[in-house]
Structures are given as structure tokens and as C-alpha cells.
Amino acid sequence: MEDLKTRSEELERELTKSLQREENMKIELQRLHKRVRVAEDAEEQLCAQLGDLEAETVDHAHEYQTHLVALMKQLETAHKFIESASFDP
């Protein structure tokens, strides 16, 4: 009978330890879940910012190309003017 009582006490201690480990794991899982949510939110924000930067970069590239074309036209006009001026006696 004493052996059963001792064994029962051991099992109760093991159960208590197991329940405590389970509770600790739940707490750790909640922490990890919170960290994952924070990381996901940060990822979404970064993706949105990246999209904004990409759109801004495309706009700048179009503006630069338009400016470059305008400068090339000015240069072509200047060359034509110089050529016509150099052929006039």
C-alpha cells in the first residue's frame, strides 16, 4: 500500500511538472505568435513602402526621359541653326 501511495505521489508531481511545462509552452507560443504578427505587419509596411518607392522611381525615370528628349531636341535645333549659319555667306 505504501508503494502505491509513493507511486501516486510521484505521478502527481510528474503531472504537476508536465502541466507547468505545458503552461510555459503556451506562454512561449503566445509570445512567438505575437512576434510573428509584428513581423508580418512590418513586412506589409515594407512592401507598401517598396511599392511607393518603385512607383516614384518610375515617375522619376519618365520625367528624366522627357527632359532628355527635350534637351536632345534643343541640341538638334541648335545644330541646325549652327549649320544654317555656317553655310550663309
PDB file of N, CA and C in Angstrom:
ATOM      1  N   MET A   1       0.823  -1.188   0.000  1.00  0.00           N
ATOM      2  CA  MET A   1       0.000   0.000   0.000  1.00  0.00           C
ATOM      3  C   MET A   1       0.871   1.258   0.000  1.00  0.00           C
ATOM      4  N   GLU A   2       1.928   1.190   0.775  1.00  0.00           N
ATOM      5  CA  GLU A   2       2.853   2.329   0.846  1.00  0.00           C
ATOM      6  C   GLU A   2       3.475   2.601  -0.516  1.00  0.00           C
ATOM      7  N   ASP A   3       3.774   1.527  -1.244  1.00  0.00           N
ATOM      8  CA  ASP A   3       4.350   1.676  -2.586  1.00  0.00           C
ATOM      9  C   ASP A   3       3.379   2.395  -3.522  1.00  0.00           C
ATOM     10  N   LEU A   4       2.098   2.048  -3.419  1.00  0.00           N
ATOM     11  CA  LEU A   4       1.095   2.706  -4.253  1.00  0.00           C
ATOM     12  C   LEU A   4       0.981   4.187  -3.914  1.00  0.00           C
ATOM     13  N   LYS A   5       1.032   4.505  -2.649  1.00  0.00           N
ATOM     14  CA  LYS A   5       0.948   5.902  -2.219  1.00  0.00           C
ATOM     15  C   LYS A   5       2.159   6.680  -2.736  1.00  0.00           C
ATOM     16  N   THR A   6       3.340   6.095  -2.627  1.00  0.00           N
ATOM     17  CA  THR A   6       4.564   6.736  -3.110  1.00  0.00           C
ATOM     18  C   THR A   6       4.503   6.927  -4.621  1.00  0.00           C
ATOM     19  N   ARG A   7       4.055   5.874  -5.293  1.00  0.00           N
ATOM     20  CA  ARG A   7       3.950   5.955  -6.755  1.00  0.00           C
ATOM     21  C   ARG A   7       2.922   7.013  -7.168  1.00  0.00           C
ATOM     22  N   SER A   8       1.835   7.071  -6.439  1.00  0.00           N
ATOM     23  CA  SER A   8       0.795   8.059  -6.724  1.00  0.00           C
ATOM     24  C   SER A   8       1.335   9.471  -6.527  1.00  0.00           C
ATOM     25  N   GLU A   9       2.101   9.677  -5.479  1.00  0.00           N
ATOM     26  CA  GLU A   9       2.700  10.989  -5.224  1.00  0.00           C
ATOM     27  C   GLU A   9       3.686  11.370  -6.337  1.00  0.00           C
ATOM     28  N   GLU A  10       4.471  10.382  -6.770  1.00  0.00           N
ATOM     29  CA  GLU A  10       5.399  10.624  -7.873  1.00  0.00           C
ATOM     30  C   GLU A  10       4.651  11.021  -9.139  1.00  0.00           C
ATOM     31  N   LEU A  11       3.596  10.299  -9.431  1.00  0.00           N
ATOM     32  CA  LEU A  11       2.801  10.601 -10.615  1.00  0.00           C
ATOM     33  C   LEU A  11       2.169  11.988 -10.516  1.00  0.00           C
ATOM     34  N   GLU A  12       1.713  12.358  -9.338  1.00  0.00           N
ATOM     35  CA  GLU A  12       1.138  13.693  -9.143  1.00  0.00           C
ATOM     36  C   GLU A  12       2.197  14.770  -9.370  1.00  0.00           C
ATOM     37  N   ARG A  13       3.407  14.540  -8.865  1.00  0.00           N
ATOM     38  CA  ARG A  13       4.497  15.504  -9.080  1.00  0.00           C
ATOM     39  C   ARG A  13       4.824  15.606 -10.571  1.00  0.00           C
ATOM     40  N   GLU A  14       4.902  14.471 -11.241  1.00  0.00           N
ATOM     41  CA  GLU A  14       5.191  14.471 -12.670  1.00  0.00           C
ATOM     42  C   GLU A  14       4.080  15.182 -13.444  1.00  0.00           C
ATOM     43  N   LEU A  15       2.837  14.932 -13.018  1.00  0.00           N
ATOM     44  CA  LEU A  15       1.712  15.604 -13.665  1.00  0.00           C
ATOM     45  C   LEU A  15       1.789  17.110 -13.447  1.00  0.00           C
ATOM     46  N   THR A  16       2.118  17.533 -12.259  1.00  0.00           N
ATOM     47  CA  THR A  16       2.250  18.958 -11.952  1.00  0.00           C
ATOM     48  C   THR A  16       3.353  19.582 -12.798  1.00  0.00           C
ATOM     49  N   LYS A  17       4.484  18.895 -12.882  1.00  0.00           N
ATOM     50  CA  LYS A  17       5.587  19.383 -13.709  1.00  0.00           C
ATOM     51  C   LYS A  17       5.174  19.460 -15.175  1.00  0.00           C
ATOM     52  N   SER A  18       4.476  18.430 -15.621  1.00  0.00           N
ATOM     53  CA  SER A  18       4.030  18.385 -17.011  1.00  0.00           C
ATOM     54  C   SER A  18       3.054  19.525 -17.303  1.00  0.00           C
ATOM     55  N   LEU A  19       2.148  19.761 -16.386  1.00  0.00           N
ATOM     56  CA  LEU A  19       1.191  20.859 -16.560  1.00  0.00           C
ATOM     57  C   LEU A  19       1.905  22.213 -16.571  1.00  0.00           C
ATOM     58  N   GLN A  20       2.921  22.344 -15.722  1.00  0.00           N
ATOM     59  CA  GLN A  20       3.688  23.593 -15.698  1.00  0.00           C
ATOM     60  C   GLN A  20       4.452  23.790 -17.000  1.00  0.00           C
ATOM     61  N   ARG A  21       5.046  22.698 -17.503  1.00  0.00           N
ATOM     62  CA  ARG A  21       5.743  22.782 -18.793  1.00  0.00           C
ATOM     63  C   ARG A  21       4.764  23.167 -19.903  1.00  0.00           C
ATOM     64  N   GLU A  22       3.588  22.566 -19.852  1.00  0.00           N
ATOM     65  CA  GLU A  22       2.569  22.886 -20.853  1.00  0.00           C
ATOM     66  C   GLU A  22       2.186  24.365 -20.780  1.00  0.00           C
ATOM     67  N   GLU A  23       2.003  24.863 -19.585  1.00  0.00           N
ATOM     68  CA  GLU A  23       1.664  26.283 -19.407  1.00  0.00           C
ATOM     69  C   GLU A  23       2.792  27.173 -19.912  1.00  0.00           C
ATOM     70  N   ASN A  24       4.028  26.808 -19.595  1.00  0.00           N
ATOM     71  CA  ASN A  24       5.177  27.570 -20.087  1.00  0.00           C
ATOM     72  C   ASN A  24       5.236  27.561 -21.614  1.00  0.00           C
ATOM     73  N   MET A  25       4.929  26.408 -22.201  1.00  0.00           N
ATOM     74  CA  MET A  25       4.940  26.309 -23.659  1.00  0.00           C
ATOM     75  C   MET A  25       3.826  27.166 -24.265  1.00  0.00           C
ATOM     76  N   LYS A  26       2.673  27.201 -23.630  1.00  0.00           N
ATOM     77  CA  LYS A  26       1.582  28.046 -24.115  1.00  0.00           C
ATOM     78  C   LYS A  26       1.998  29.523 -24.095  1.00  0.00           C
ATOM     79  N   ILE A  27       2.621  29.921 -23.005  1.00  0.00           N
ATOM     80  CA  ILE A  27       3.076  31.310 -22.883  1.00  0.00           C
ATOM     81  C   ILE A  27       4.104  31.618 -23.966  1.00  0.00           C
ATOM     82  N   GLU A  28       5.040  30.712 -24.155  1.00  0.00           N
ATOM     83  CA  GLU A  28       6.072  30.912 -25.186  1.00  0.00           C
ATOM     84  C   GLU A  28       5.438  30.944 -26.578  1.00  0.00           C
ATOM     85  N   LEU A  29       4.469  30.092 -26.819  1.00  0.00           N
ATOM     86  CA  LEU A  29       3.767  30.078 -28.101  1.00  0.00           C
ATOM     87  C   LEU A  29       3.043  31.400 -28.334  1.00  0.00           C
ATOM     88  N   GLN A  30       2.430  31.937 -27.295  1.00  0.00           N
ATOM     89  CA  GLN A  30       1.755  33.237 -27.412  1.00  0.00           C
ATOM     90  C   GLN A  30       2.768  34.340 -27.737  1.00  0.00           C
ATOM     91  N   ARG A  31       3.919  34.292 -27.087  1.00  0.00           N
ATOM     92  CA  ARG A  31       4.974  35.271 -27.382  1.00  0.00           C
ATOM     93  C   ARG A  31       5.425  35.166 -28.838  1.00  0.00           C
ATOM     94  N   LEU A  32       5.663  33.936 -29.274  1.00  0.00           N
ATOM     95  CA  LEU A  32       6.092  33.721 -30.653  1.00  0.00           C
ATOM     96  C   LEU A  32       5.026  34.173 -31.643  1.00  0.00           C
ATOM     97  N   HIS A  33       3.793  33.892 -31.320  1.00  0.00           N
ATOM     98  CA  HIS A  33       2.690  34.311 -32.190  1.00  0.00           C
ATOM     99  C   HIS A  33       2.645  35.838 -32.298  1.00  0.00           C
ATOM    100  N   LYS A  34       2.843  36.507 -31.183  1.00  0.00           N
ATOM    101  CA  LYS A  34       2.863  37.976 -31.186  1.00  0.00           C
ATOM    102  C   LYS A  34       4.027  38.488 -32.031  1.00  0.00           C
ATOM    103  N   ARG A  35       5.188  37.865 -31.885  1.00  0.00           N
ATOM    104  CA  ARG A  35       6.359  38.277 -32.675  1.00  0.00           C
ATOM    105  C   ARG A  35       6.116  38.057 -34.165  1.00  0.00           C
ATOM    106  N   VAL A  36       5.460  36.966 -34.509  1.00  0.00           N
ATOM    107  CA  VAL A  36       5.145  36.689 -35.913  1.00  0.00           C
ATOM    108  C   VAL A  36       4.195  37.759 -36.452  1.00  0.00           C
ATOM    109  N   ARG A  37       3.194  38.123 -35.656  1.00  0.00           N
ATOM    110  CA  ARG A  37       2.260  39.174 -36.092  1.00  0.00           C
ATOM    111  C   ARG A  37       2.994  40.483 -36.310  1.00  0.00           C
ATOM    112  N   VAL A  38       3.890  40.832 -35.399  1.00  0.00           N
ATOM    113  CA  VAL A  38       4.663  42.062 -35.545  1.00  0.00           C
ATOM    114  C   VAL A  38       5.520  42.003 -36.813  1.00  0.00           C
ATOM    115  N   ALA A  39       6.150  40.862 -37.045  1.00  0.00           N
ATOM    116  CA  ALA A  39       6.986  40.699 -38.245  1.00  0.00           C
ATOM    117  C   ALA A  39       6.133  40.785 -39.511  1.00  0.00           C
ATOM    118  N   GLU A  40       4.951  40.190 -39.484  1.00  0.00           N
ATOM    119  CA  GLU A  40       4.068  40.257 -40.651  1.00  0.00           C
ATOM    120  C   GLU A  40       3.618  41.692 -40.915  1.00  0.00           C
ATOM    121  N   ASP A  41       3.279  42.414 -39.849  1.00  0.00           N
ATOM    122  CA  ASP A  41       2.884  43.821 -40.003  1.00  0.00           C
ATOM    123  C   ASP A  41       4.034  44.638 -40.583  1.00  0.00           C
ATOM    124  N   ALA A  42       5.221  44.395 -40.084  1.00  0.00           N
ATOM    125  CA  ALA A  42       6.398  45.111 -40.588  1.00  0.00           C
ATOM    126  C   ALA A  42       6.639  44.772 -42.055  1.00  0.00           C
ATOM    127  N   GLU A  43       6.462  43.513 -42.399  1.00  0.00           N
ATOM    128  CA  GLU A  43       6.645  43.092 -43.796  1.00  0.00           C
ATOM    129  C   GLU A  43       5.641  43.803 -44.696  1.00  0.00           C
ATOM    130  N   GLU A  44       4.389  43.884 -44.254  1.00  0.00           N
ATOM    131  CA  GLU A  44       3.361  44.570 -45.045  1.00  0.00           C
ATOM    132  C   GLU A  44       3.715  46.041 -45.234  1.00  0.00           C
ATOM    133  N   GLN A  45       4.170  46.679 -44.165  1.00  0.00           N
ATOM    134  CA  GLN A  45       4.552  48.091 -44.260  1.00  0.00           C
ATOM    135  C   GLN A  45       5.728  48.276 -45.218  1.00  0.00           C
ATOM    136  N   LEU A  46       6.712  47.396 -45.110  1.00  0.00           N
ATOM    137  CA  LEU A  46       7.867  47.486 -46.001  1.00  0.00           C
ATOM    138  C   LEU A  46       7.474  47.255 -47.448  1.00  0.00           C
ATOM    139  N   CYS A  47       6.576  46.310 -47.688  1.00  0.00           N
ATOM    140  CA  CYS A  47       6.124  46.058 -49.060  1.00  0.00           C
ATOM    141  C   CYS A  47       5.387  47.279 -49.610  1.00  0.00           C
ATOM    142  N   ALA A  48       4.561  47.904 -48.780  1.00  0.00           N
ATOM    143  CA  ALA A  48       3.845  49.103 -49.216  1.00  0.00           C
ATOM    144  C   ALA A  48       4.833  50.223 -49.528  1.00  0.00           C
ATOM    145  N   GLN A  49       5.826  50.398 -48.656  1.00  0.00           N
ATOM    146  CA  GLN A  49       6.845  51.434 -48.889  1.00  0.00           C
ATOM    147  C   GLN A  49       7.643  51.134 -50.159  1.00  0.00           C
ATOM    148  N   LEU A  50       7.972  49.869 -50.352  1.00  0.00           N
ATOM    149  CA  LEU A  50       8.712  49.479 -51.554  1.00  0.00           C
ATOM    150  C   LEU A  50       7.888  49.766 -52.804  1.00  0.00           C
ATOM    151  N   GLY A  51       6.614  49.468 -52.752  1.00  0.00           N
ATOM    152  CA  GLY A  51       5.737  49.764 -53.881  1.00  0.00           C
ATOM    153  C   GLY A  51       5.692  51.258 -54.173  1.00  0.00           C
ATOM    154  N   ASP A  52       5.608  52.061 -53.111  1.00  0.00           N
ATOM    155  CA  ASP A  52       5.611  53.519 -53.286  1.00  0.00           C
ATOM    156  C   ASP A  52       6.922  53.987 -53.907  1.00  0.00           C
ATOM    157  N   LEU A  53       8.034  53.440 -53.428  1.00  0.00           N
ATOM    158  CA  LEU A  53       9.338  53.824 -53.972  1.00  0.00           C
ATOM    159  C   LEU A  53       9.489  53.397 -55.424  1.00  0.00           C
ATOM    160  N   GLU A  54       8.988  52.219 -55.757  1.00  0.00           N
ATOM    161  CA  GLU A  54       9.053  51.772 -57.147  1.00  0.00           C
ATOM    162  C   GLU A  54       8.248  52.698 -58.057  1.00  0.00           C
ATOM    163  N   ALA A  55       7.050  53.082 -57.607  1.00  0.00           N
ATOM    164  CA  ALA A  55       6.219  53.987 -58.401  1.00  0.00           C
ATOM    165  C   ALA A  55       6.908  55.340 -58.551  1.00  0.00           C
ATOM    166  N   GLU A  56       7.513  55.818 -57.471  1.00  0.00           N
ATOM    167  CA  GLU A  56       8.235  57.095 -57.522  1.00  0.00           C
ATOM    168  C   GLU A  56       9.429  57.006 -58.470  1.00  0.00           C
ATOM    169  N   THR A  57      10.119  55.884 -58.449  1.00  0.00           N
ATOM    170  CA  THR A  57      11.267  55.680 -59.332  1.00  0.00           C
ATOM    171  C   THR A  57      10.830  55.683 -60.795  1.00  0.00           C
ATOM    172  N   VAL A  58       9.727  55.033 -61.088  1.00  0.00           N
ATOM    173  CA  VAL A  58       9.210  55.018 -62.460  1.00  0.00           C
ATOM    174  C   VAL A  58       8.845  56.438 -62.888  1.00  0.00           C
ATOM    175  N   ASP A  59       8.197  57.185 -61.992  1.00  0.00           N
ATOM    176  CA  ASP A  59       7.849  58.576 -62.310  1.00  0.00           C
ATOM    177  C   ASP A  59       9.099  59.401 -62.598  1.00  0.00           C
ATOM    178  N   HIS A  60      10.125  59.221 -61.769  1.00  0.00           N
ATOM    179  CA  HIS A  60      11.379  59.957 -61.984  1.00  0.00           C
ATOM    180  C   HIS A  60      12.023  59.563 -63.313  1.00  0.00           C
ATOM    181  N   ALA A  61      11.970  58.286 -63.634  1.00  0.00           N
ATOM    182  CA  ALA A  61      12.560  57.820 -64.895  1.00  0.00           C
ATOM    183  C   ALA A  61      11.822  58.435 -66.084  1.00  0.00           C
ATOM    184  N   HIS A  62      10.491  58.496 -65.997  1.00  0.00           N
ATOM    185  CA  HIS A  62       9.720  59.113 -67.082  1.00  0.00           C
ATOM    186  C   HIS A  62      10.043  60.607 -67.200  1.00  0.00           C
ATOM    187  N   GLU A  63      10.131  61.273 -66.068  1.00  0.00           N
ATOM    188  CA  GLU A  63      10.472  62.700 -66.081  1.00  0.00           C
ATOM    189  C   GLU A  63      11.862  62.907 -66.686  1.00  0.00           C
ATOM    190  N   TYR A  64      12.810  62.075 -66.290  1.00  0.00           N
ATOM    191  CA  TYR A  64      14.171  62.178 -66.803  1.00  0.00           C
ATOM    192  C   TYR A  64      14.184  61.941 -68.307  1.00  0.00           C
ATOM    193  N   GLN A  65      13.452  60.924 -68.755  1.00  0.00           N
ATOM    194  CA  GLN A  65      13.407  60.621 -70.186  1.00  0.00           C
ATOM    195  C   GLN A  65      12.789  61.792 -70.954  1.00  0.00           C
ATOM    196  N   THR A  66      11.712  62.371 -70.441  1.00  0.00           N
ATOM    197  CA  THR A  66      11.072  63.521 -71.083  1.00  0.00           C
ATOM    198  C   THR A  66      12.037  64.693 -71.156  1.00  0.00           C
ATOM    199  N   HIS A  67      12.742  64.938 -70.066  1.00  0.00           N
ATOM    200  CA  HIS A  67      13.726  66.025 -70.025  1.00  0.00           C
ATOM    201  C   HIS A  67      14.853  65.763 -71.029  1.00  0.00           C
ATOM    202  N   LEU A  68      15.309  64.527 -71.089  1.00  0.00           N
ATOM    203  CA  LEU A  68      16.384  64.151 -72.008  1.00  0.00           C
ATOM    204  C   LEU A  68      15.942  64.345 -73.463  1.00  0.00           C
ATOM    205  N   VAL A  69      14.728  63.949 -73.782  1.00  0.00           N
ATOM    206  CA  VAL A  69      14.211  64.129 -75.140  1.00  0.00           C
ATOM    207  C   VAL A  69      14.131  65.614 -75.473  1.00  0.00           C
ATOM    208  N   ALA A  70      13.684  66.424 -74.528  1.00  0.00           N
ATOM    209  CA  ALA A  70      13.605  67.871 -74.751  1.00  0.00           C
ATOM    210  C   ALA A  70      14.994  68.452 -74.999  1.00  0.00           C
ATOM    211  N   LEU A  71      15.977  68.018 -74.222  1.00  0.00           N
ATOM    212  CA  LEU A  71      17.350  68.500 -74.418  1.00  0.00           C
ATOM    213  C   LEU A  71      17.896  68.065 -75.775  1.00  0.00           C
ATOM    214  N   MET A  72      17.586  66.829 -76.191  1.00  0.00           N
ATOM    215  CA  MET A  72      18.053  66.353 -77.495  1.00  0.00           C
ATOM    216  C   MET A  72      17.434  67.191 -78.621  1.00  0.00           C
ATOM    217  N   LYS A  73      16.163  67.559 -78.480  1.00  0.00           N
ATOM    218  CA  LYS A  73      15.513  68.399 -79.489  1.00  0.00           C
ATOM    219  C   LYS A  73      16.156  69.785 -79.534  1.00  0.00           C
ATOM    220  N   GLN A  74      16.468  70.313 -78.343  1.00  0.00           N
ATOM    221  CA  GLN A  74      17.142  71.615 -78.294  1.00  0.00           C
ATOM    222  C   GLN A  74      18.513  71.531 -78.968  1.00  0.00           C
ATOM    223  N   LEU A  75      19.220  70.460 -78.690  1.00  0.00           N
ATOM    224  CA  LEU A  75      20.540  70.273 -79.279  1.00  0.00           C
ATOM    225  C   LEU A  75      20.428  70.136 -80.798  1.00  0.00           C
ATOM    226  N   GLU A  76      19.451  69.380 -81.265  1.00  0.00           N
ATOM    227  CA  GLU A  76      19.241  69.227 -82.701  1.00  0.00           C
ATOM    228  C   GLU A  76      18.916  70.574 -83.349  1.00  0.00           C
ATOM    229  N   THR A  77      18.063  71.362 -82.694  1.00  0.00           N
ATOM    230  CA  THR A  77      17.718  72.696 -83.205  1.00  0.00           C
ATOM    231  C   THR A  77      18.950  73.581 -83.243  1.00  0.00           C
ATOM    232  N   ALA A  78      19.774  73.504 -82.191  1.00  0.00           N
ATOM    233  CA  ALA A  78      20.994  74.307 -82.149  1.00  0.00           C
ATOM    234  C   ALA A  78      21.954  73.899 -83.263  1.00  0.00           C
ATOM    235  N   HIS A  79      22.097  72.592 -83.491  1.00  0.00           N
ATOM    236  CA  HIS A  79      22.962  72.119 -84.576  1.00  0.00           C
ATOM    237  C   HIS A  79      22.465  72.610 -85.933  1.00  0.00           C
ATOM    238  N   LYS A  80      21.166  72.535 -86.149  1.00  0.00           N
ATOM    239  CA  LYS A  80      20.595  73.016 -87.411  1.00  0.00           C
ATOM    240  C   LYS A  80      20.844  74.507 -87.579  1.00  0.00           C
ATOM    241  N   PHE A  81      20.698  75.232 -86.504  1.00  0.00           N
ATOM    242  CA  PHE A  81      20.929  76.680 -86.551  1.00  0.00           C
ATOM    243  C   PHE A  81      22.388  76.984 -86.884  1.00  0.00           C
ATOM    244  N   ILE A  82      23.291  76.256 -86.224  1.00  0.00           N
ATOM    245  CA  ILE A  82      24.725  76.460 -86.470  1.00  0.00           C
ATOM    246  C   ILE A  82      25.069  76.086 -87.910  1.00  0.00           C
ATOM    247  N   GLU A  83      24.533  74.975 -88.401  1.00  0.00           N
ATOM    248  CA  GLU A  83      24.785  74.555 -89.770  1.00  0.00           C
ATOM    249  C   GLU A  83      24.248  75.581 -90.773  1.00  0.00           C
ATOM    250  N   SER A  84      23.045  76.061 -90.528  1.00  0.00           N
ATOM    251  CA  SER A  84      22.482  77.046 -91.462  1.00  0.00           C
ATOM    252  C   SER A  84      23.248  78.356 -91.387  1.00  0.00           C
ATOM    253  N   ALA A  85      23.744  78.711 -90.226  1.00  0.00           N
ATOM    254  CA  ALA A  85      24.500  79.957 -90.077  1.00  0.00           C
ATOM    255  C   ALA A  85      25.874  79.831 -90.739  1.00  0.00           C
ATOM    256  N   SER A  86      26.454  78.641 -90.701  1.00  0.00           N
ATOM    257  CA  SER A  86      27.793  78.466 -91.266  1.00  0.00           C
ATOM    258  C   SER A  86      27.758  78.397 -92.786  1.00  0.00           C
ATOM    259  N   PHE A  87      26.621  78.045 -93.382  1.00  0.00           N
ATOM    260  CA  PHE A  87      26.510  77.993 -94.839  1.00  0.00           C
ATOM    261  C   PHE A  87      26.088  79.333 -95.447  1.00  0.00           C
ATOM    262  N   ASP A  88      25.576  80.224 -94.620  1.00  0.00           N
ATOM    263  CA  ASP A  88      25.195  81.551 -95.140  1.00  0.00           C
ATOM    264  C   ASP A  88      26.440  82.380 -95.314  1.00  0.00           C
ATOM    265  N   PRO A  89      26.580  82.995 -96.529  1.00  0.00           N
ATOM    266  CA  PRO A  89      27.772  83.819 -96.766  1.00  0.00           C
ATOM    267  C   PRO A  89      27.654  85.192 -96.160  1.00  0.00           C
TER     268      PRO A  89
END
